[in-house]
Amino acid sequence: MSSTSRQFDRIIRAASAKLQAVRSRESWALHPAEQAKLAGLTGVALVKATRMKEAPWAERQMDAIWSRAEAELVAEVAAAEAARRQAEAEVAAAKVAKKARGWF
């Protein structure tokens, strides 16, 4: 296993862990700006709830933040896996080319 492959594995593991955290609605996995927006929307929803009113706009915005973060992380994992496959293919092609040249 090459160092490049290990780097991609590390990136994939980190992105997958963040993806699991986003799917279980853990805010640490979000970008700081998204965390701040989520905190503000949660405050709006709490104020509305204490007044016995609904806050569908805030709830929709919160759902949009979570779904956008999930989509970004899914794309990041897919891109890292594709880059890893490409790097492995390049290494394999180089190895085949080296063997095709012969030993002399």
PDB file of N, CA and C in Angstrom:
ATOM      1  N   MET A   1       0.852  -1.179   0.000  1.00  0.00           N
ATOM      2  CA  MET A   1       0.000   0.000   0.000  1.00  0.00           C
ATOM      3  C   MET A   1       0.894   1.238   0.000  1.00  0.00           C
ATOM      4  N   SER A   2       0.682   2.109  -0.942  1.00  0.00           N
ATOM      5  CA  SER A   2       1.529   3.281  -1.085  1.00  0.00           C
ATOM      6  C   SER A   2       1.113   4.381  -0.121  1.00  0.00           C
ATOM      7  N   SER A   3       1.996   5.364   0.015  1.00  0.00           N
ATOM      8  CA  SER A   3       1.690   6.477   0.915  1.00  0.00           C
ATOM      9  C   SER A   3       0.516   7.296   0.384  1.00  0.00           C
ATOM     10  N   THR A   4       0.406   7.380  -0.938  1.00  0.00           N
ATOM     11  CA  THR A   4      -0.720   8.102  -1.533  1.00  0.00           C
ATOM     12  C   THR A   4      -2.033   7.417  -1.183  1.00  0.00           C
ATOM     13  N   SER A   5      -2.023   6.105  -1.237  1.00  0.00           N
ATOM     14  CA  SER A   5      -3.218   5.340  -0.908  1.00  0.00           C
ATOM     15  C   SER A   5      -3.593   5.543   0.561  1.00  0.00           C
ATOM     16  N   ARG A   6      -2.588   5.577   1.421  1.00  0.00           N
ATOM     17  CA  ARG A   6      -2.856   5.799   2.848  1.00  0.00           C
ATOM     18  C   ARG A   6      -3.424   7.193   3.083  1.00  0.00           C
ATOM     19  N   GLN A   7      -2.925   8.178   2.342  1.00  0.00           N
ATOM     20  CA  GLN A   7      -3.451   9.534   2.473  1.00  0.00           C
ATOM     21  C   GLN A   7      -4.923   9.579   2.066  1.00  0.00           C
ATOM     22  N   PHE A   8      -5.223   8.935   0.944  1.00  0.00           N
ATOM     23  CA  PHE A   8      -6.621   8.906   0.506  1.00  0.00           C
ATOM     24  C   PHE A   8      -7.489   8.151   1.513  1.00  0.00           C
ATOM     25  N   ASP A   9      -6.978   7.056   2.054  1.00  0.00           N
ATOM     26  CA  ASP A   9      -7.733   6.312   3.064  1.00  0.00           C
ATOM     27  C   ASP A   9      -8.037   7.182   4.267  1.00  0.00           C
ATOM     28  N   ARG A  10      -7.052   7.974   4.694  1.00  0.00           N
ATOM     29  CA  ARG A  10      -7.254   8.857   5.848  1.00  0.00           C
ATOM     30  C   ARG A  10      -8.322   9.908   5.543  1.00  0.00           C
ATOM     31  N   ILE A  11      -8.263  10.474   4.350  1.00  0.00           N
ATOM     32  CA  ILE A  11      -9.260  11.479   3.946  1.00  0.00           C
ATOM     33  C   ILE A  11     -10.648  10.847   3.883  1.00  0.00           C
ATOM     34  N   ILE A  12     -10.735   9.657   3.327  1.00  0.00           N
ATOM     35  CA  ILE A  12     -12.027   8.966   3.210  1.00  0.00           C
ATOM     36  C   ILE A  12     -12.584   8.635   4.587  1.00  0.00           C
ATOM     37  N   ARG A  13     -11.728   8.153   5.492  1.00  0.00           N
ATOM     38  CA  ARG A  13     -12.190   7.842   6.855  1.00  0.00           C
ATOM     39  C   ARG A  13     -12.703   9.083   7.569  1.00  0.00           C
ATOM     40  N   ALA A  14     -11.976  10.196   7.449  1.00  0.00           N
ATOM     41  CA  ALA A  14     -12.392  11.433   8.109  1.00  0.00           C
ATOM     42  C   ALA A  14     -13.720  11.936   7.540  1.00  0.00           C
ATOM     43  N   ALA A  15     -13.845  11.922   6.225  1.00  0.00           N
ATOM     44  CA  ALA A  15     -15.090  12.389   5.602  1.00  0.00           C
ATOM     45  C   ALA A  15     -16.251  11.458   5.939  1.00  0.00           C
ATOM     46  N   SER A  16     -15.994  10.155   6.015  1.00  0.00           N
ATOM     47  CA  SER A  16     -17.058   9.209   6.370  1.00  0.00           C
ATOM     48  C   SER A  16     -17.507   9.408   7.814  1.00  0.00           C
ATOM     49  N   ALA A  17     -16.561   9.683   8.696  1.00  0.00           N
ATOM     50  CA  ALA A  17     -16.918   9.948  10.098  1.00  0.00           C
ATOM     51  C   ALA A  17     -17.762  11.208  10.205  1.00  0.00           C
ATOM     52  N   LYS A  18     -17.380  12.253   9.462  1.00  0.00           N
ATOM     53  CA  LYS A  18     -18.174  13.479   9.464  1.00  0.00           C
ATOM     54  C   LYS A  18     -19.561  13.230   8.877  1.00  0.00           C
ATOM     55  N   LEU A  19     -19.618  12.393   7.839  1.00  0.00           N
ATOM     56  CA  LEU A  19     -20.904  12.077   7.219  1.00  0.00           C
ATOM     57  C   LEU A  19     -21.819  11.373   8.213  1.00  0.00           C
ATOM     58  N   GLN A  20     -21.276  10.414   8.953  1.00  0.00           N
ATOM     59  CA  GLN A  20     -22.074   9.727   9.982  1.00  0.00           C
ATOM     60  C   GLN A  20     -22.561  10.718  11.032  1.00  0.00           C
ATOM     61  N   ALA A  21     -21.689  11.649  11.411  1.00  0.00           N
ATOM     62  CA  ALA A  21     -22.066  12.650  12.415  1.00  0.00           C
ATOM     63  C   ALA A  21     -23.173  13.563  11.884  1.00  0.00           C
ATOM     64  N   VAL A  22     -23.085  13.946  10.635  1.00  0.00           N
ATOM     65  CA  VAL A  22     -24.126  14.796  10.047  1.00  0.00           C
ATOM     66  C   VAL A  22     -25.438  14.033   9.977  1.00  0.00           C
ATOM     67  N   ARG A  23     -25.363  12.761   9.599  1.00  0.00           N
ATOM     68  CA  ARG A  23     -26.594  11.960   9.521  1.00  0.00           C
ATOM     69  C   ARG A  23     -27.239  11.777  10.893  1.00  0.00           C
ATOM     70  N   SER A  24     -26.437  11.793  11.960  1.00  0.00           N
ATOM     71  CA  SER A  24     -27.010  11.678  13.306  1.00  0.00           C
ATOM     72  C   SER A  24     -27.207  13.059  13.941  1.00  0.00           C
ATOM     73  N   ARG A  25     -27.107  14.108  13.120  1.00  0.00           N
ATOM     74  CA  ARG A  25     -27.397  15.483  13.515  1.00  0.00           C
ATOM     75  C   ARG A  25     -26.483  16.007  14.623  1.00  0.00           C
ATOM     76  N   GLU A  26     -25.188  15.712  14.513  1.00  0.00           N
ATOM     77  CA  GLU A  26     -24.202  16.244  15.448  1.00  0.00           C
ATOM     78  C   GLU A  26     -23.591  17.494  14.818  1.00  0.00           C
ATOM     79  N   SER A  27     -23.718  18.615  15.512  1.00  0.00           N
ATOM     80  CA  SER A  27     -23.339  19.892  14.900  1.00  0.00           C
ATOM     81  C   SER A  27     -21.830  20.086  14.767  1.00  0.00           C
ATOM     82  N   TRP A  28     -21.010  19.325  15.461  1.00  0.00           N
ATOM     83  CA  TRP A  28     -19.557  19.502  15.346  1.00  0.00           C
ATOM     84  C   TRP A  28     -19.070  19.222  13.927  1.00  0.00           C
ATOM     85  N   ALA A  29     -19.830  18.442  13.173  1.00  0.00           N
ATOM     86  CA  ALA A  29     -19.408  18.074  11.827  1.00  0.00           C
ATOM     87  C   ALA A  29     -19.699  19.174  10.798  1.00  0.00           C
ATOM     88  N   LEU A  30     -20.431  20.197  11.193  1.00  0.00           N
ATOM     89  CA  LEU A  30     -20.765  21.285  10.280  1.00  0.00           C
ATOM     90  C   LEU A  30     -19.658  22.334  10.264  1.00  0.00           C
ATOM     91  N   HIS A  31     -19.636  23.149   9.203  1.00  0.00           N
ATOM     92  CA  HIS A  31     -18.726  24.285   9.135  1.00  0.00           C
ATOM     93  C   HIS A  31     -19.161  25.297  10.203  1.00  0.00           C
ATOM     94  N   PRO A  32     -18.249  26.112  10.719  1.00  0.00           N
ATOM     95  CA  PRO A  32     -18.608  27.081  11.754  1.00  0.00           C
ATOM     96  C   PRO A  32     -19.748  28.025  11.345  1.00  0.00           C
ATOM     97  N   ALA A  33     -19.770  28.445  10.095  1.00  0.00           N
ATOM     98  CA  ALA A  33     -20.855  29.329   9.652  1.00  0.00           C
ATOM     99  C   ALA A  33     -22.200  28.601   9.713  1.00  0.00           C
ATOM    100  N   GLU A  34     -22.197  27.323   9.334  1.00  0.00           N
ATOM    101  CA  GLU A  34     -23.433  26.541   9.398  1.00  0.00           C
ATOM    102  C   GLU A  34     -23.842  26.309  10.850  1.00  0.00           C
ATOM    103  N   GLN A  35     -22.865  26.109  11.724  1.00  0.00           N
ATOM    104  CA  GLN A  35     -23.166  25.936  13.147  1.00  0.00           C
ATOM    105  C   GLN A  35     -23.827  27.195  13.705  1.00  0.00           C
ATOM    106  N   ALA A  36     -23.300  28.355  13.339  1.00  0.00           N
ATOM    107  CA  ALA A  36     -23.859  29.616  13.820  1.00  0.00           C
ATOM    108  C   ALA A  36     -25.280  29.812  13.304  1.00  0.00           C
ATOM    109  N   LYS A  37     -25.481  29.535  12.029  1.00  0.00           N
ATOM    110  CA  LYS A  37     -26.827  29.687  11.451  1.00  0.00           C
ATOM    111  C   LYS A  37     -27.800  28.712  12.112  1.00  0.00           C
ATOM    112  N   LEU A  38     -27.346  27.496  12.352  1.00  0.00           N
ATOM    113  CA  LEU A  38     -28.188  26.501  13.002  1.00  0.00           C
ATOM    114  C   LEU A  38     -28.554  26.933  14.416  1.00  0.00           C
ATOM    115  N   ALA A  39     -27.584  27.509  15.133  1.00  0.00           N
ATOM    116  CA  ALA A  39     -27.857  27.986  16.494  1.00  0.00           C
ATOM    117  C   ALA A  39     -28.888  29.115  16.468  1.00  0.00           C
ATOM    118  N   GLY A  40     -28.756  30.025  15.515  1.00  0.00           N
ATOM    119  CA  GLY A  40     -29.733  31.109  15.400  1.00  0.00           C
ATOM    120  C   GLY A  40     -31.124  30.598  15.069  1.00  0.00           C
ATOM    121  N   LEU A  41     -31.201  29.641  14.163  1.00  0.00           N
ATOM    122  CA  LEU A  41     -32.506  29.085  13.793  1.00  0.00           C
ATOM    123  C   LEU A  41     -33.120  28.295  14.950  1.00  0.00           C
ATOM    124  N   THR A  42     -32.269  27.632  15.727  1.00  0.00           N
ATOM    125  CA  THR A  42     -32.771  26.921  16.902  1.00  0.00           C
ATOM    126  C   THR A  42     -33.347  27.915  17.907  1.00  0.00           C
ATOM    127  N   GLY A  43     -32.667  29.045  18.067  1.00  0.00           N
ATOM    128  CA  GLY A  43     -33.189  30.090  18.958  1.00  0.00           C
ATOM    129  C   GLY A  43     -34.532  30.608  18.489  1.00  0.00           C
ATOM    130  N   VAL A  44     -34.668  30.830  17.195  1.00  0.00           N
ATOM    131  CA  VAL A  44     -35.953  31.290  16.638  1.00  0.00           C
ATOM    132  C   VAL A  44     -37.040  30.255  16.917  1.00  0.00           C
ATOM    133  N   ALA A  45     -36.720  28.985  16.689  1.00  0.00           N
ATOM    134  CA  ALA A  45     -37.708  27.928  16.910  1.00  0.00           C
ATOM    135  C   ALA A  45     -38.089  27.843  18.385  1.00  0.00           C
ATOM    136  N   LEU A  46     -37.116  28.021  19.283  1.00  0.00           N
ATOM    137  CA  LEU A  46     -37.428  27.970  20.721  1.00  0.00           C
ATOM    138  C   LEU A  46     -38.298  29.138  21.153  1.00  0.00           C
ATOM    139  N   VAL A  47     -38.006  30.323  20.635  1.00  0.00           N
ATOM    140  CA  VAL A  47     -38.828  31.488  20.978  1.00  0.00           C
ATOM    141  C   VAL A  47     -40.254  31.285  20.488  1.00  0.00           C
ATOM    142  N   LYS A  48     -40.385  30.796  19.270  1.00  0.00           N
ATOM    143  CA  LYS A  48     -41.724  30.537  18.729  1.00  0.00           C
ATOM    144  C   LYS A  48     -42.438  29.465  19.556  1.00  0.00           C
ATOM    145  N   ALA A  49     -41.701  28.441  19.967  1.00  0.00           N
ATOM    146  CA  ALA A  49     -42.321  27.363  20.733  1.00  0.00           C
ATOM    147  C   ALA A  49     -42.791  27.852  22.096  1.00  0.00           C
ATOM    148  N   THR A  50     -42.047  28.752  22.727  1.00  0.00           N
ATOM    149  CA  THR A  50     -42.477  29.264  24.028  1.00  0.00           C
ATOM    150  C   THR A  50     -43.716  30.138  23.895  1.00  0.00           C
ATOM    151  N   ARG A  51     -43.932  30.671  22.726  1.00  0.00           N
ATOM    152  CA  ARG A  51     -45.148  31.470  22.471  1.00  0.00           C
ATOM    153  C   ARG A  51     -46.265  30.620  21.880  1.00  0.00           C
ATOM    154  N   MET A  52     -46.065  29.300  21.880  1.00  0.00           N
ATOM    155  CA  MET A  52     -47.053  28.349  21.366  1.00  0.00           C
ATOM    156  C   MET A  52     -47.342  28.560  19.871  1.00  0.00           C
ATOM    157  N   LYS A  53     -46.315  28.917  19.138  1.00  0.00           N
ATOM    158  CA  LYS A  53     -46.456  29.095  17.702  1.00  0.00           C
ATOM    159  C   LYS A  53     -45.488  28.167  17.003  1.00  0.00           C
ATOM    160  N   GLU A  54     -45.742  27.944  15.728  1.00  0.00           N
ATOM    161  CA  GLU A  54     -44.862  27.097  14.941  1.00  0.00           C
ATOM    162  C   GLU A  54     -43.854  27.964  14.192  1.00  0.00           C
ATOM    163  N   ALA A  55     -42.736  27.344  13.838  1.00  0.00           N
ATOM    164  CA  ALA A  55     -41.704  28.043  13.074  1.00  0.00           C
ATOM    165  C   ALA A  55     -41.317  27.187  11.874  1.00  0.00           C
ATOM    166  N   PRO A  56     -42.239  27.020  10.910  1.00  0.00           N
ATOM    167  CA  PRO A  56     -41.928  26.138   9.781  1.00  0.00           C
ATOM    168  C   PRO A  56     -40.751  26.638   8.943  1.00  0.00           C
ATOM    169  N   TRP A  57     -40.589  27.954   8.823  1.00  0.00           N
ATOM    170  CA  TRP A  57     -39.483  28.497   8.045  1.00  0.00           C
ATOM    171  C   TRP A  57     -38.148  28.090   8.668  1.00  0.00           C
ATOM    172  N   ALA A  58     -38.047  28.248   9.998  1.00  0.00           N
ATOM    173  CA  ALA A  58     -36.805  27.895  10.690  1.00  0.00           C
ATOM    174  C   ALA A  58     -36.530  26.399  10.570  1.00  0.00           C
ATOM    175  N   GLU A  59     -37.577  25.603  10.688  1.00  0.00           N
ATOM    176  CA  GLU A  59     -37.399  24.153  10.578  1.00  0.00           C
ATOM    177  C   GLU A  59     -36.961  23.755   9.168  1.00  0.00           C
ATOM    178  N   ARG A  60     -37.535  24.382   8.163  1.00  0.00           N
ATOM    179  CA  ARG A  60     -37.127  24.100   6.785  1.00  0.00           C
ATOM    180  C   ARG A  60     -35.673  24.508   6.548  1.00  0.00           C
ATOM    181  N   GLN A  61     -35.291  25.657   7.103  1.00  0.00           N
ATOM    182  CA  GLN A  61     -33.908  26.116   6.953  1.00  0.00           C
ATOM    183  C   GLN A  61     -32.928  25.163   7.640  1.00  0.00           C
ATOM    184  N   MET A  62     -33.305  24.671   8.826  1.00  0.00           N
ATOM    185  CA  MET A  62     -32.446  23.715   9.532  1.00  0.00           C
ATOM    186  C   MET A  62     -32.306  22.423   8.720  1.00  0.00           C
ATOM    187  N   ASP A  63     -33.408  21.932   8.198  1.00  0.00           N
ATOM    188  CA  ASP A  63     -33.357  20.727   7.368  1.00  0.00           C
ATOM    189  C   ASP A  63     -32.493  20.950   6.125  1.00  0.00           C
ATOM    190  N   ALA A  64     -32.580  22.150   5.545  1.00  0.00           N
ATOM    191  CA  ALA A  64     -31.776  22.463   4.367  1.00  0.00           C
ATOM    192  C   ALA A  64     -30.284  22.474   4.707  1.00  0.00           C
ATOM    193  N   ILE A  65     -29.935  22.991   5.868  1.00  0.00           N
ATOM    194  CA  ILE A  65     -28.528  22.999   6.291  1.00  0.00           C
ATOM    195  C   ILE A  65     -28.013  21.577   6.419  1.00  0.00           C
ATOM    196  N   TRP A  66     -28.791  20.719   7.083  1.00  0.00           N
ATOM    197  CA  TRP A  66     -28.349  19.328   7.274  1.00  0.00           C
ATOM    198  C   TRP A  66     -28.249  18.585   5.948  1.00  0.00           C
ATOM    199  N   SER A  67     -29.238  18.771   5.078  1.00  0.00           N
ATOM    200  CA  SER A  67     -29.196  18.044   3.801  1.00  0.00           C
ATOM    201  C   SER A  67     -28.071  18.549   2.905  1.00  0.00           C
ATOM    202  N   ARG A  68     -27.795  19.858   2.935  1.00  0.00           N
ATOM    203  CA  ARG A  68     -26.699  20.411   2.149  1.00  0.00           C
ATOM    204  C   ARG A  68     -25.352  19.880   2.658  1.00  0.00           C
ATOM    205  N   ALA A  69     -25.192  19.830   3.972  1.00  0.00           N
ATOM    206  CA  ALA A  69     -23.950  19.307   4.550  1.00  0.00           C
ATOM    207  C   ALA A  69     -23.770  17.832   4.198  1.00  0.00           C
ATOM    208  N   GLU A  70     -24.866  17.072   4.236  1.00  0.00           N
ATOM    209  CA  GLU A  70     -24.786  15.652   3.884  1.00  0.00           C
ATOM    210  C   GLU A  70     -24.399  15.479   2.414  1.00  0.00           C
ATOM    211  N   ALA A  71     -25.002  16.269   1.544  1.00  0.00           N
ATOM    212  CA  ALA A  71     -24.685  16.171   0.117  1.00  0.00           C
ATOM    213  C   ALA A  71     -23.220  16.532  -0.144  1.00  0.00           C
ATOM    214  N   GLU A  72     -22.712  17.561   0.531  1.00  0.00           N
ATOM    215  CA  GLU A  72     -21.314  17.945   0.359  1.00  0.00           C
ATOM    216  C   GLU A  72     -20.380  16.821   0.791  1.00  0.00           C
ATOM    217  N   LEU A  73     -20.684  16.188   1.918  1.00  0.00           N
ATOM    218  CA  LEU A  73     -19.817  15.126   2.420  1.00  0.00           C
ATOM    219  C   LEU A  73     -19.900  13.871   1.559  1.00  0.00           C
ATOM    220  N   VAL A  74     -21.080  13.552   1.050  1.00  0.00           N
ATOM    221  CA  VAL A  74     -21.203  12.405   0.140  1.00  0.00           C
ATOM    222  C   VAL A  74     -20.360  12.656  -1.101  1.00  0.00           C
ATOM    223  N   ALA A  75     -20.412  13.872  -1.629  1.00  0.00           N
ATOM    224  CA  ALA A  75     -19.613  14.215  -2.810  1.00  0.00           C
ATOM    225  C   ALA A  75     -18.116  14.164  -2.484  1.00  0.00           C
ATOM    226  N   GLU A  76     -17.740  14.615  -1.292  1.00  0.00           N
ATOM    227  CA  GLU A  76     -16.330  14.580  -0.898  1.00  0.00           C
ATOM    228  C   GLU A  76     -15.812  13.148  -0.799  1.00  0.00           C
ATOM    229  N   VAL A  77     -16.609  12.264  -0.204  1.00  0.00           N
ATOM    230  CA  VAL A  77     -16.210  10.858  -0.089  1.00  0.00           C
ATOM    231  C   VAL A  77     -16.092  10.233  -1.482  1.00  0.00           C
ATOM    232  N   ALA A  78     -17.055  10.505  -2.340  1.00  0.00           N
ATOM    233  CA  ALA A  78     -17.032   9.945  -3.700  1.00  0.00           C
ATOM    234  C   ALA A  78     -15.821  10.456  -4.479  1.00  0.00           C
ATOM    235  N   ALA A  79     -15.516  11.734  -4.351  1.00  0.00           N
ATOM    236  CA  ALA A  79     -14.367  12.295  -5.056  1.00  0.00           C
ATOM    237  C   ALA A  79     -13.057  11.701  -4.543  1.00  0.00           C
ATOM    238  N   ALA A  80     -12.950  11.530  -3.233  1.00  0.00           N
ATOM    239  CA  ALA A  80     -11.731  10.952  -2.668  1.00  0.00           C
ATOM    240  C   ALA A  80     -11.566   9.498  -3.111  1.00  0.00           C
ATOM    241  N   GLU A  81     -12.661   8.748  -3.145  1.00  0.00           N
ATOM    242  CA  GLU A  81     -12.583   7.357  -3.594  1.00  0.00           C
ATOM    243  C   GLU A  81     -12.197   7.277  -5.071  1.00  0.00           C
ATOM    244  N   ALA A  82     -12.746   8.176  -5.885  1.00  0.00           N
ATOM    245  CA  ALA A  82     -12.402   8.194  -7.311  1.00  0.00           C
ATOM    246  C   ALA A  82     -10.931   8.568  -7.503  1.00  0.00           C
ATOM    247  N   ALA A  83     -10.455   9.528  -6.742  1.00  0.00           N
ATOM    248  CA  ALA A  83      -9.051   9.924  -6.844  1.00  0.00           C
ATOM    249  C   ALA A  83      -8.136   8.791  -6.395  1.00  0.00           C
ATOM    250  N   ARG A  84      -8.550   8.066  -5.385  1.00  0.00           N
ATOM    251  CA  ARG A  84      -7.754   6.932  -4.914  1.00  0.00           C
ATOM    252  C   ARG A  84      -7.684   5.848  -5.999  1.00  0.00           C
ATOM    253  N   ARG A  85      -8.829   5.535  -6.601  1.00  0.00           N
ATOM    254  CA  ARG A  85      -8.842   4.542  -7.680  1.00  0.00           C
ATOM    255  C   ARG A  85      -7.955   4.982  -8.840  1.00  0.00           C
ATOM    256  N   GLN A  86      -7.995   6.262  -9.186  1.00  0.00           N
ATOM    257  CA  GLN A  86      -7.179   6.768 -10.286  1.00  0.00           C
ATOM    258  C   GLN A  86      -5.694   6.663  -9.948  1.00  0.00           C
ATOM    259  N   ALA A  87      -5.333   7.008  -8.719  1.00  0.00           N
ATOM    260  CA  ALA A  87      -3.934   6.923  -8.310  1.00  0.00           C
ATOM    261  C   ALA A  87      -3.453   5.473  -8.330  1.00  0.00           C
ATOM    262  N   GLU A  88      -4.298   4.559  -7.870  1.00  0.00           N
ATOM    263  CA  GLU A  88      -3.933   3.138  -7.894  1.00  0.00           C
ATOM    264  C   GLU A  88      -3.783   2.631  -9.327  1.00  0.00           C
ATOM    265  N   ALA A  89      -4.651   3.097 -10.214  1.00  0.00           N
ATOM    266  CA  ALA A  89      -4.557   2.690 -11.619  1.00  0.00           C
ATOM    267  C   ALA A  89      -3.268   3.212 -12.249  1.00  0.00           C
ATOM    268  N   GLU A  90      -2.883   4.440 -11.912  1.00  0.00           N
ATOM    269  CA  GLU A  90      -1.641   4.997 -12.441  1.00  0.00           C
ATOM    270  C   GLU A  90      -0.429   4.215 -11.944  1.00  0.00           C
ATOM    271  N   VAL A  91      -0.447   3.847 -10.660  1.00  0.00           N
ATOM    272  CA  VAL A  91       0.651   3.063 -10.102  1.00  0.00           C
ATOM    273  C   VAL A  91       0.720   1.698 -10.787  1.00  0.00           C
ATOM    274  N   ALA A  92      -0.427   1.077 -10.984  1.00  0.00           N
ATOM    275  CA  ALA A  92      -0.464  -0.232 -11.641  1.00  0.00           C
ATOM    276  C   ALA A  92       0.024  -0.130 -13.088  1.00  0.00           C
ATOM    277  N   ALA A  93      -0.372   0.915 -13.792  1.00  0.00           N
ATOM    278  CA  ALA A  93       0.060   1.098 -15.179  1.00  0.00           C
ATOM    279  C   ALA A  93       1.570   1.318 -15.248  1.00  0.00           C
ATOM    280  N   ALA A  94       2.092   2.064 -14.308  1.00  0.00           N
ATOM    281  CA  ALA A  94       3.537   2.286 -14.276  1.00  0.00           C
ATOM    282  C   ALA A  94       4.275   0.983 -14.000  1.00  0.00           C
ATOM    283  N   LYS A  95       3.728   0.162 -13.135  1.00  0.00           N
ATOM    284  CA  LYS A  95       4.357  -1.125 -12.825  1.00  0.00           C
ATOM    285  C   LYS A  95       4.338  -2.043 -14.044  1.00  0.00           C
ATOM    286  N   VAL A  96       3.231  -2.066 -14.762  1.00  0.00           N
ATOM    287  CA  VAL A  96       3.134  -2.892 -15.972  1.00  0.00           C
ATOM    288  C   VAL A  96       4.110  -2.386 -17.024  1.00  0.00           C
ATOM    289  N   ALA A  97       4.190  -1.081 -17.193  1.00  0.00           N
ATOM    290  CA  ALA A  97       5.103  -0.507 -18.181  1.00  0.00           C
ATOM    291  C   ALA A  97       6.549  -0.837 -17.831  1.00  0.00           C
ATOM    292  N   LYS A  98       6.875  -0.825 -16.555  1.00  0.00           N
ATOM    293  CA  LYS A  98       8.234  -1.148 -16.129  1.00  0.00           C
ATOM    294  C   LYS A  98       8.564  -2.602 -16.411  1.00  0.00           C
ATOM    295  N   LYS A  99       7.594  -3.498 -16.155  1.00  0.00           N
ATOM    296  CA  LYS A  99       7.826  -4.915 -16.422  1.00  0.00           C
ATOM    297  C   LYS A  99       7.895  -5.189 -17.913  1.00  0.00           C
ATOM    298  N   ALA A 100       7.173  -4.414 -18.727  1.00  0.00           N
ATOM    299  CA  ALA A 100       7.170  -4.625 -20.173  1.00  0.00           C
ATOM    300  C   ALA A 100       8.499  -4.251 -20.810  1.00  0.00           C
ATOM    301  N   ARG A 101       9.233  -3.353 -20.163  1.00  0.00           N
ATOM    302  CA  ARG A 101      10.531  -2.946 -20.703  1.00  0.00           C
ATOM    303  C   ARG A 101      11.555  -4.068 -20.601  1.00  0.00           C
ATOM    304  N   GLY A 102      11.351  -4.959 -19.680  1.00  0.00           N
ATOM    305  CA  GLY A 102      12.307  -6.057 -19.521  1.00  0.00           C
ATOM    306  C   GLY A 102      13.297  -5.785 -18.412  1.00  0.00           C
ATOM    307  N   TRP A 103      14.197  -6.706 -18.234  1.00  0.00           N
ATOM    308  CA  TRP A 103      15.130  -6.582 -17.113  1.00  0.00           C
ATOM    309  C   TRP A 103      16.439  -5.918 -17.500  1.00  0.00           C
ATOM    310  N   PHE A 104      16.649  -5.676 -18.754  1.00  0.00           N
ATOM    311  CA  PHE A 104      17.930  -5.101 -19.167  1.00  0.00           C
ATOM    312  C   PHE A 104      17.806  -3.707 -19.673  1.00  0.00           C
TER     313      PHE A 104
END
